[in-house]
């Protein structure tokens, strides 16, 4: 099993933004030093806690510091931008990273972003599809493009001076385009089927109950079948909130205690999901009332914590439940205690993952 890193960082509102950005960067650099294979970061413009406003800009700050692993947008929120801008920025970032970029895309899930960008009352899923279709068309064709859509149009026909380079949108280093990945944040997702049919790969979110994560594999498998390819579990990425410590009590306090960054993270998400009518993500029974979703129940069900042997056992059990997947994405959280946060990643890589890699019973997909 490969290790990766995925952060949609949720920091205390009063934390110095410079410090949170610095620590988020340090987490990526540490992941690379520990042999993680890939790392992603999200973006939101209108969230003071979840405060990386541009995933492409953030990843660009890591150029020259990351030596081995691939980096990924996690994700570019397509309705909140313009296809020409996305095509140009992703192409540039792919060159800056020497072709080690994964292109993560989504419709965007933060309502305040949608309101700020004027898309709150629009069909953002339709906008998402149009935007990525136009980005891929830009990369696949030559100027002046002349792409006409419902929400955007792209043309340089009136201003093209090809012999000096004017009016030409760059193409990425990886042709025809960087690998495309999509976050999957719903039970029984139809989106993952549609994405897989187009050759895109899934990332199952870390804030879904295991029983809902388990539903993603059949949907992915069906999509691959529609796309004429064999579904490979190695291409399935699953994010998980994990904390590893040298002793159980330290792990318990940091993962669930009153000052826990994990408690803060999931409390923020519970409030947002209840407000958005999506609290079912945290329920074992979708018909249960939203009042049944509490911070204590969510921490118990969605955070894996303990000593290295404890965490290895829990990850093994999780994989036996949801099915084999190729990459475990360690979910980033605020570094409330930088030493403990760093130690957790070190222990995961050096003491937990070797125990997972030696588990032959997990080399099959759960039925």
Protein backbone atom coordinates (compact mmCIF):
# COMPACT_ATOMS: atom_id res chain seq x y z
CA UNK A 1 0.00 0.00 0.00
CA UNK A 2 1.32 3.43 -0.94
CA UNK A 3 1.06 6.39 1.40
CA UNK A 4 -0.11 9.78 0.27
CA UNK A 5 -1.18 13.04 1.88
CA UNK A 6 -4.38 15.03 1.42
CA UNK A 7 -5.18 18.25 3.21
CA UNK A 8 -8.16 20.56 3.18
CA UNK A 9 -6.58 22.32 6.15
CA UNK A 10 -8.90 23.59 8.85
CA UNK A 11 -7.02 25.90 11.22
CA UNK A 12 -8.12 27.84 14.31
CA UNK A 13 -9.57 31.19 13.30
CA UNK A 14 -7.11 33.12 15.45
CA UNK A 15 -4.01 31.33 14.16
CA UNK A 16 -1.51 33.50 12.31
CA UNK A 17 -2.12 32.77 8.62
CA UNK A 18 1.63 32.88 7.94
CA UNK A 19 2.19 30.12 10.51
CA UNK A 20 -0.58 27.87 9.21
CA UNK A 21 0.70 28.19 5.64
CA UNK A 22 4.24 27.49 6.79
CA UNK A 23 3.17 24.38 8.69
CA UNK A 24 1.05 23.16 5.78
CA UNK A 25 4.12 23.44 3.57
CA UNK A 26 6.25 21.63 6.15
CA UNK A 27 3.78 18.76 6.16
CA UNK A 28 4.18 18.32 2.40
CA UNK A 29 7.95 18.43 2.63
CA UNK A 30 7.96 15.90 5.47
CA UNK A 31 5.67 13.59 3.52
CA UNK A 32 8.11 13.68 0.63
CA UNK A 33 11.07 12.94 2.91
CA UNK A 34 9.17 9.96 4.37
CA UNK A 35 8.53 8.40 0.97
CA UNK A 36 4.90 9.33 0.46
CA UNK A 37 4.08 8.94 -3.22
CA UNK A 38 1.71 11.88 -3.72
CA UNK A 39 0.15 14.83 -1.89
CA UNK A 40 -2.88 17.02 -2.52
CA UNK A 41 -4.29 20.25 -1.11
CA UNK A 42 -7.72 21.79 -1.40
CA UNK A 43 -8.77 25.39 -1.94
CA UNK A 44 -11.49 27.74 -0.72
CA UNK A 45 -11.69 31.49 -1.15
CA UNK A 46 -14.24 32.32 1.54
CA UNK A 47 -13.29 30.22 4.58
CA UNK A 48 -11.09 31.72 7.29
CA UNK A 49 -10.40 28.28 8.80
CA UNK A 50 -9.91 26.33 5.58
CA UNK A 51 -7.55 28.95 4.30
CA UNK A 52 -5.61 27.80 1.26
CA UNK A 53 -7.31 30.03 -1.30
CA UNK A 54 -5.55 28.59 -4.37
CA UNK A 55 -4.26 25.03 -4.53
CA UNK A 56 -2.20 25.75 -7.65
CA UNK A 57 -0.48 28.72 -6.02
CA UNK A 58 0.20 26.73 -2.86
CA UNK A 59 1.70 23.82 -4.80
CA UNK A 60 3.88 26.22 -6.77
CA UNK A 61 5.53 27.28 -3.49
CA UNK A 62 6.76 23.70 -3.13
CA UNK A 63 8.66 23.65 -6.41
CA UNK A 64 12.27 22.81 -5.64
CA UNK A 65 11.43 21.54 -2.15
CA UNK A 66 9.66 18.31 -3.18
CA UNK A 67 12.15 15.81 -4.52
CA UNK A 68 10.21 12.60 -5.18
CA UNK A 69 6.44 12.58 -4.78
CA UNK A 70 3.78 13.80 -7.17
CA UNK A 71 1.68 16.79 -6.20
CA UNK A 72 -2.01 17.20 -6.87
CA UNK A 73 -4.68 19.85 -6.85
CA UNK A 74 -7.28 18.68 -4.38
CA UNK A 75 -9.25 20.16 -5.97
CA UNK A 76 -9.61 22.97 -8.49
CA UNK A 77 -13.22 24.10 -7.99
CA UNK A 78 -14.12 24.41 -11.66
CA UNK A 79 -17.31 26.53 -11.55
CA UNK A 80 -15.42 29.24 -9.64
CA UNK A 81 -12.95 30.01 -12.40
CA UNK A 82 -12.60 30.09 -16.20
CA UNK A 83 -11.54 27.23 -18.51
CA UNK A 84 -8.79 29.27 -20.18
CA UNK A 85 -7.32 30.23 -16.83
CA UNK A 86 -7.41 26.65 -15.57
CA UNK A 87 -5.81 25.36 -18.78
CA UNK A 88 -2.99 27.90 -18.58
CA UNK A 89 -2.31 27.53 -14.84
CA UNK A 90 -2.36 23.73 -14.82
CA UNK A 91 -0.12 23.59 -17.89
CA UNK A 92 2.37 25.95 -16.21
CA UNK A 93 2.28 24.04 -12.92
CA UNK A 94 2.84 20.74 -14.73
CA UNK A 95 6.00 22.19 -16.27
CA UNK A 96 7.16 23.65 -12.96
CA UNK A 97 6.77 20.20 -11.39
CA UNK A 98 8.51 18.47 -14.29
CA UNK A 99 5.44 16.41 -15.15
CA UNK A 100 4.73 15.24 -11.59
CA UNK A 101 1.27 16.79 -11.31
CA UNK A 102 -2.08 15.13 -10.73
CA UNK A 103 -5.03 17.28 -11.77
CA UNK A 104 -7.74 17.05 -9.13
CA UNK A 105 -11.08 18.61 -10.06
CA UNK A 106 -14.52 19.06 -8.50
CA UNK A 107 -17.66 21.22 -8.64
CA UNK A 108 -16.66 22.75 -5.30
CA UNK A 109 -18.54 22.11 -2.10
CA UNK A 110 -18.42 25.34 -0.08
CA UNK A 111 -21.67 27.32 -0.39
CA UNK A 112 -20.05 30.65 0.50
CA UNK A 113 -17.57 30.24 -2.36
CA UNK A 114 -20.47 29.64 -4.74
CA UNK A 115 -22.27 32.71 -3.45
CA UNK A 116 -19.17 34.90 -3.76
CA UNK A 117 -18.50 33.74 -7.32
CA UNK A 118 -22.14 34.16 -8.34
CA UNK A 119 -22.81 30.47 -8.94
CA UNK A 120 -24.91 29.61 -5.89
CA UNK A 121 -28.18 29.46 -7.84
CA UNK A 122 -26.66 27.93 -10.96
CA UNK A 123 -26.24 24.29 -11.93
CA UNK A 124 -22.67 23.90 -10.65
CA UNK A 125 -22.43 20.25 -11.70
CA UNK A 126 -23.29 21.28 -15.26
CA UNK A 127 -20.73 24.09 -15.02
CA UNK A 128 -18.12 21.63 -13.74
CA UNK A 129 -18.59 19.33 -16.72
CA UNK A 130 -18.51 22.19 -19.22
CA UNK A 131 -15.38 23.68 -17.67
CA UNK A 132 -13.33 20.46 -17.70
CA UNK A 133 -14.57 19.64 -21.22
CA UNK A 134 -13.35 23.04 -22.42
CA UNK A 135 -10.00 22.70 -20.64
CA UNK A 136 -9.41 19.35 -22.34
CA UNK A 137 -10.51 20.79 -25.69
CA UNK A 138 -8.08 23.69 -25.32
CA UNK A 139 -5.23 21.25 -24.73
CA UNK A 140 -6.32 18.96 -27.59
CA UNK A 141 -6.68 21.65 -30.26
CA UNK A 142 -4.80 24.58 -31.70
CA UNK A 143 -5.68 28.29 -31.56
CA UNK A 144 -7.90 30.16 -32.11
CA UNK A 145 -10.00 27.41 -30.35
CA UNK A 146 -13.46 28.93 -30.99
CA UNK A 147 -15.09 26.96 -28.17
CA UNK A 148 -18.67 27.97 -27.41
CA UNK A 149 -20.53 26.80 -24.31
CA UNK A 150 -23.48 27.68 -22.11
CA UNK A 151 -21.35 29.27 -19.38
CA UNK A 152 -18.02 30.09 -21.07
CA UNK A 153 -16.64 30.65 -24.52
CA UNK A 154 -12.96 30.59 -25.46
CA UNK A 155 -11.54 32.15 -28.61
CA UNK A 156 -8.51 34.16 -29.67
CA UNK A 157 -9.65 34.49 -33.30
CA UNK A 158 -9.73 38.29 -33.28
CA UNK A 159 -6.30 38.75 -31.71
CA UNK A 160 -4.23 35.71 -32.76
CA UNK A 161 -0.70 36.45 -33.99
CA UNK A 162 0.61 32.90 -34.08
CA UNK A 163 4.10 33.67 -35.40
CA UNK A 164 4.95 35.68 -32.27
CA UNK A 165 2.99 33.43 -29.89
CA UNK A 166 0.07 35.72 -29.12
CA UNK A 167 -3.27 34.06 -28.58
CA UNK A 168 -1.82 30.64 -27.73
CA UNK A 169 -2.77 28.87 -24.47
CA UNK A 170 0.02 26.51 -23.31
CA UNK A 171 -0.29 22.76 -23.13
CA UNK A 172 0.84 20.67 -20.13
CA UNK A 173 4.08 18.70 -20.12
CA UNK A 174 2.18 15.43 -19.65
CA UNK A 175 0.29 14.75 -22.86
CA UNK A 176 -2.53 14.67 -23.57
CA UNK A 177 -2.98 15.91 -19.98
CA UNK A 178 -1.94 15.16 -16.38
CA UNK A 179 -3.78 12.28 -14.67
CA UNK A 180 -7.22 13.49 -13.59
CA UNK A 181 -8.59 12.60 -10.17
CA UNK A 182 -11.91 13.43 -8.54
CA UNK A 183 -12.88 13.53 -4.89
CA UNK A 184 -15.86 11.35 -4.00
CA UNK A 185 -17.88 12.75 -1.10
CA UNK A 186 -21.23 10.96 -1.31
CA UNK A 187 -22.57 7.44 -0.71
CA UNK A 188 -23.37 5.44 -3.84
CA UNK A 189 -21.81 8.17 -5.96
CA UNK A 190 -22.92 8.36 -9.58
CA UNK A 191 -20.17 10.87 -10.14
CA UNK A 192 -17.44 8.30 -9.61
CA UNK A 193 -19.05 6.09 -12.30
CA UNK A 194 -19.11 8.96 -14.78
CA UNK A 195 -15.54 9.95 -13.91
CA UNK A 196 -14.20 6.42 -14.23
CA UNK A 197 -15.87 6.06 -17.62
CA UNK A 198 -13.76 9.00 -18.76
CA UNK A 199 -10.53 7.49 -17.45
CA UNK A 200 -10.38 9.55 -14.25
CA UNK A 201 -9.49 8.09 -10.85
CA UNK A 202 -11.26 8.48 -7.47
CA UNK A 203 -10.28 9.81 -4.05
CA UNK A 204 -12.74 8.74 -1.36
CA UNK A 205 -13.08 11.48 1.25
CA UNK A 206 -11.97 11.08 4.87
CA UNK A 207 -15.30 12.30 6.27
CA UNK A 208 -17.42 9.39 5.05
CA UNK A 209 -18.49 6.42 7.16
CA UNK A 210 -16.67 3.23 6.07
CA UNK A 211 -19.93 1.72 4.83
CA UNK A 212 -20.29 4.64 2.39
CA UNK A 213 -16.64 4.45 1.29
CA UNK A 214 -17.32 0.80 0.49
CA UNK A 215 -19.98 1.83 -2.05
CA UNK A 216 -17.43 3.66 -4.17
CA UNK A 217 -15.67 0.58 -5.51
CA UNK A 218 -18.69 -0.94 -7.32
CA UNK A 219 -19.48 2.49 -8.80
CA UNK A 220 -15.87 2.89 -9.95
CA UNK A 221 -15.84 -0.63 -11.36
CA UNK A 222 -19.01 0.06 -13.35
CA UNK A 223 -17.53 3.26 -14.74
CA UNK A 224 -14.35 1.51 -15.82
CA UNK A 225 -16.46 -1.11 -17.58
CA UNK A 226 -18.34 1.63 -19.43
CA UNK A 227 -15.01 3.15 -20.42
CA UNK A 228 -13.66 -0.15 -21.75
CA UNK A 229 -10.98 -0.67 -19.13
CA UNK A 230 -10.39 -2.98 -16.21
CA UNK A 231 -10.86 -1.45 -12.77
CA UNK A 232 -7.56 -1.55 -10.89
CA UNK A 233 -7.76 -1.23 -7.10
CA UNK A 234 -4.26 0.26 -7.15
CA UNK A 235 -5.82 3.40 -8.66
CA UNK A 236 -8.30 3.84 -5.82
CA UNK A 237 -7.19 6.37 -3.22
CA UNK A 238 -8.87 6.59 0.18
CA UNK A 239 -8.29 9.48 2.59
CA UNK A 240 -8.41 8.83 6.32
CA UNK A 241 -7.92 10.88 9.50
CA UNK A 242 -5.15 9.13 11.44
CA UNK A 243 -3.02 9.99 14.43
CA UNK A 244 -0.15 7.82 15.65
CA UNK A 245 1.78 8.31 18.89
CA UNK A 246 4.29 6.35 20.92
CA UNK A 247 1.73 5.72 23.66
CA UNK A 248 -2.03 5.28 23.63
CA UNK A 249 -2.92 8.09 26.05
CA UNK A 250 -1.06 10.71 24.03
CA UNK A 251 -2.81 9.48 20.89
CA UNK A 252 -6.23 9.55 22.56
CA UNK A 253 -5.82 13.07 23.90
CA UNK A 254 -4.48 14.53 20.65
CA UNK A 255 -7.13 12.80 18.52
CA UNK A 256 -10.19 13.27 20.73
CA UNK A 257 -9.38 15.55 23.69
CA UNK A 258 -10.95 18.98 24.27
CA UNK A 259 -8.11 20.78 22.47
CA UNK A 260 -7.73 18.21 19.72
CA UNK A 261 -7.23 19.55 16.18
CA UNK A 262 -9.23 16.52 15.01
CA UNK A 263 -12.13 17.56 17.22
CA UNK A 264 -11.92 21.09 15.82
CA UNK A 265 -11.75 19.79 12.24
CA UNK A 266 -14.77 17.54 12.49
CA UNK A 267 -16.80 20.01 14.51
CA UNK A 268 -16.36 22.48 11.66
CA UNK A 269 -17.46 19.87 9.13
CA UNK A 270 -20.47 18.76 11.18
CA UNK A 271 -21.75 22.33 11.38
CA UNK A 272 -21.24 22.83 7.63
CA UNK A 273 -22.80 19.54 6.59
CA UNK A 274 -25.84 19.92 8.81
CA UNK A 275 -26.40 23.43 7.48
CA UNK A 276 -26.08 22.14 3.90
CA UNK A 277 -28.40 19.18 4.50
CA UNK A 278 -25.60 16.65 4.03
CA UNK A 279 -25.25 15.23 7.55
CA UNK A 280 -25.92 11.74 6.17
CA UNK A 281 -22.19 11.49 5.47
CA UNK A 282 -21.71 11.03 9.22
CA UNK A 283 -24.57 8.57 9.73
CA UNK A 284 -24.56 4.80 9.72
CA UNK A 285 -28.30 4.90 9.06
CA UNK A 286 -29.25 7.52 6.48
CA UNK A 287 -32.76 7.78 7.92
CA UNK A 288 -31.48 8.77 11.37
CA UNK A 289 -32.06 12.34 12.49
CA UNK A 290 -29.33 14.94 12.16
CA UNK A 291 -29.41 15.23 15.96
CA UNK A 292 -27.92 11.73 16.12
CA UNK A 293 -24.70 13.10 14.61
CA UNK A 294 -22.47 14.25 17.47
CA UNK A 295 -18.83 15.16 17.62
CA UNK A 296 -18.17 12.19 19.90
CA UNK A 297 -19.75 9.69 17.52
CA UNK A 298 -17.93 11.15 14.52
CA UNK A 299 -14.54 11.06 16.24
CA UNK A 300 -15.17 7.46 17.31
CA UNK A 301 -16.16 6.34 13.82
CA UNK A 302 -13.87 8.38 11.57
CA UNK A 303 -10.55 8.91 13.37
CA UNK A 304 -8.03 6.10 13.62
CA UNK A 305 -5.62 6.70 16.49
CA UNK A 306 -3.29 4.82 18.80
CA UNK A 307 0.16 3.30 18.92
CA UNK A 308 1.72 1.99 15.70
CA UNK A 309 0.47 -1.54 16.32
CA UNK A 310 -3.02 -0.28 17.20
CA UNK A 311 -3.23 1.88 14.10
CA UNK A 312 -1.94 -0.91 11.85
CA UNK A 313 -4.62 -3.25 13.17
CA UNK A 314 -7.32 -0.62 12.62
CA UNK A 315 -6.18 0.14 9.08
CA UNK A 316 -6.09 -3.57 8.29
CA UNK A 317 -9.65 -3.91 9.61
CA UNK A 318 -10.74 -0.85 7.60
CA UNK A 319 -9.31 -2.29 4.40
CA UNK A 320 -10.91 -5.67 5.05
CA UNK A 321 -14.22 -3.84 5.42
CA UNK A 322 -14.16 -1.41 2.47
CA UNK A 323 -11.91 -3.41 0.13
CA UNK A 324 -8.33 -3.21 -1.11
CA UNK A 325 -7.18 0.23 -2.26
CA UNK A 326 -3.80 1.23 -3.56
CA UNK A 327 -3.06 4.48 -1.70
CA UNK A 328 -3.95 5.57 1.81
CA UNK A 329 -4.07 9.36 1.92
CA UNK A 330 -3.17 10.62 5.39
CA UNK A 331 -5.53 13.54 6.03
CA UNK A 332 -3.81 16.74 7.10
CA UNK A 333 -4.94 18.52 10.26
CA UNK A 334 -3.80 21.61 12.09
CA UNK A 335 -0.42 21.19 13.78
CA UNK A 336 -1.63 22.10 17.27
CA UNK A 337 1.52 20.42 18.56
CA UNK A 338 4.07 20.40 15.72
CA UNK A 339 6.29 17.78 17.36
CA UNK A 340 3.42 15.33 17.83
CA UNK A 341 2.04 16.04 14.37
CA UNK A 342 5.38 15.34 12.74
CA UNK A 343 5.93 12.26 14.91
CA UNK A 344 2.59 10.85 13.78
CA UNK A 345 3.60 11.00 10.12
CA UNK A 346 6.99 9.47 10.89
CA UNK A 347 5.44 6.60 12.82
CA UNK A 348 2.89 5.98 10.07
CA UNK A 349 5.59 5.69 7.44
CA UNK A 350 8.21 3.84 9.43
CA UNK A 351 6.25 1.61 11.80
CA UNK A 352 2.64 1.36 10.63
CA UNK A 353 2.87 0.97 6.87
CA UNK A 354 5.33 -1.95 6.93
CA UNK A 355 2.74 -3.87 8.93
CA UNK A 356 0.10 -3.08 6.32
CA UNK A 357 2.29 -4.03 3.40
CA UNK A 358 2.77 -7.51 4.90
CA UNK A 359 -0.94 -8.28 5.06
CA UNK A 360 -1.57 -10.75 2.20
CA UNK A 361 -5.25 -11.16 3.06
CA UNK A 362 -5.82 -7.60 1.89
CA UNK A 363 -4.70 -8.14 -1.68
CA UNK A 364 -8.27 -8.79 -2.83
CA UNK A 365 -11.21 -6.51 -3.28
CA UNK A 366 -14.07 -6.89 -0.84
CA UNK A 367 -17.17 -8.23 -2.53
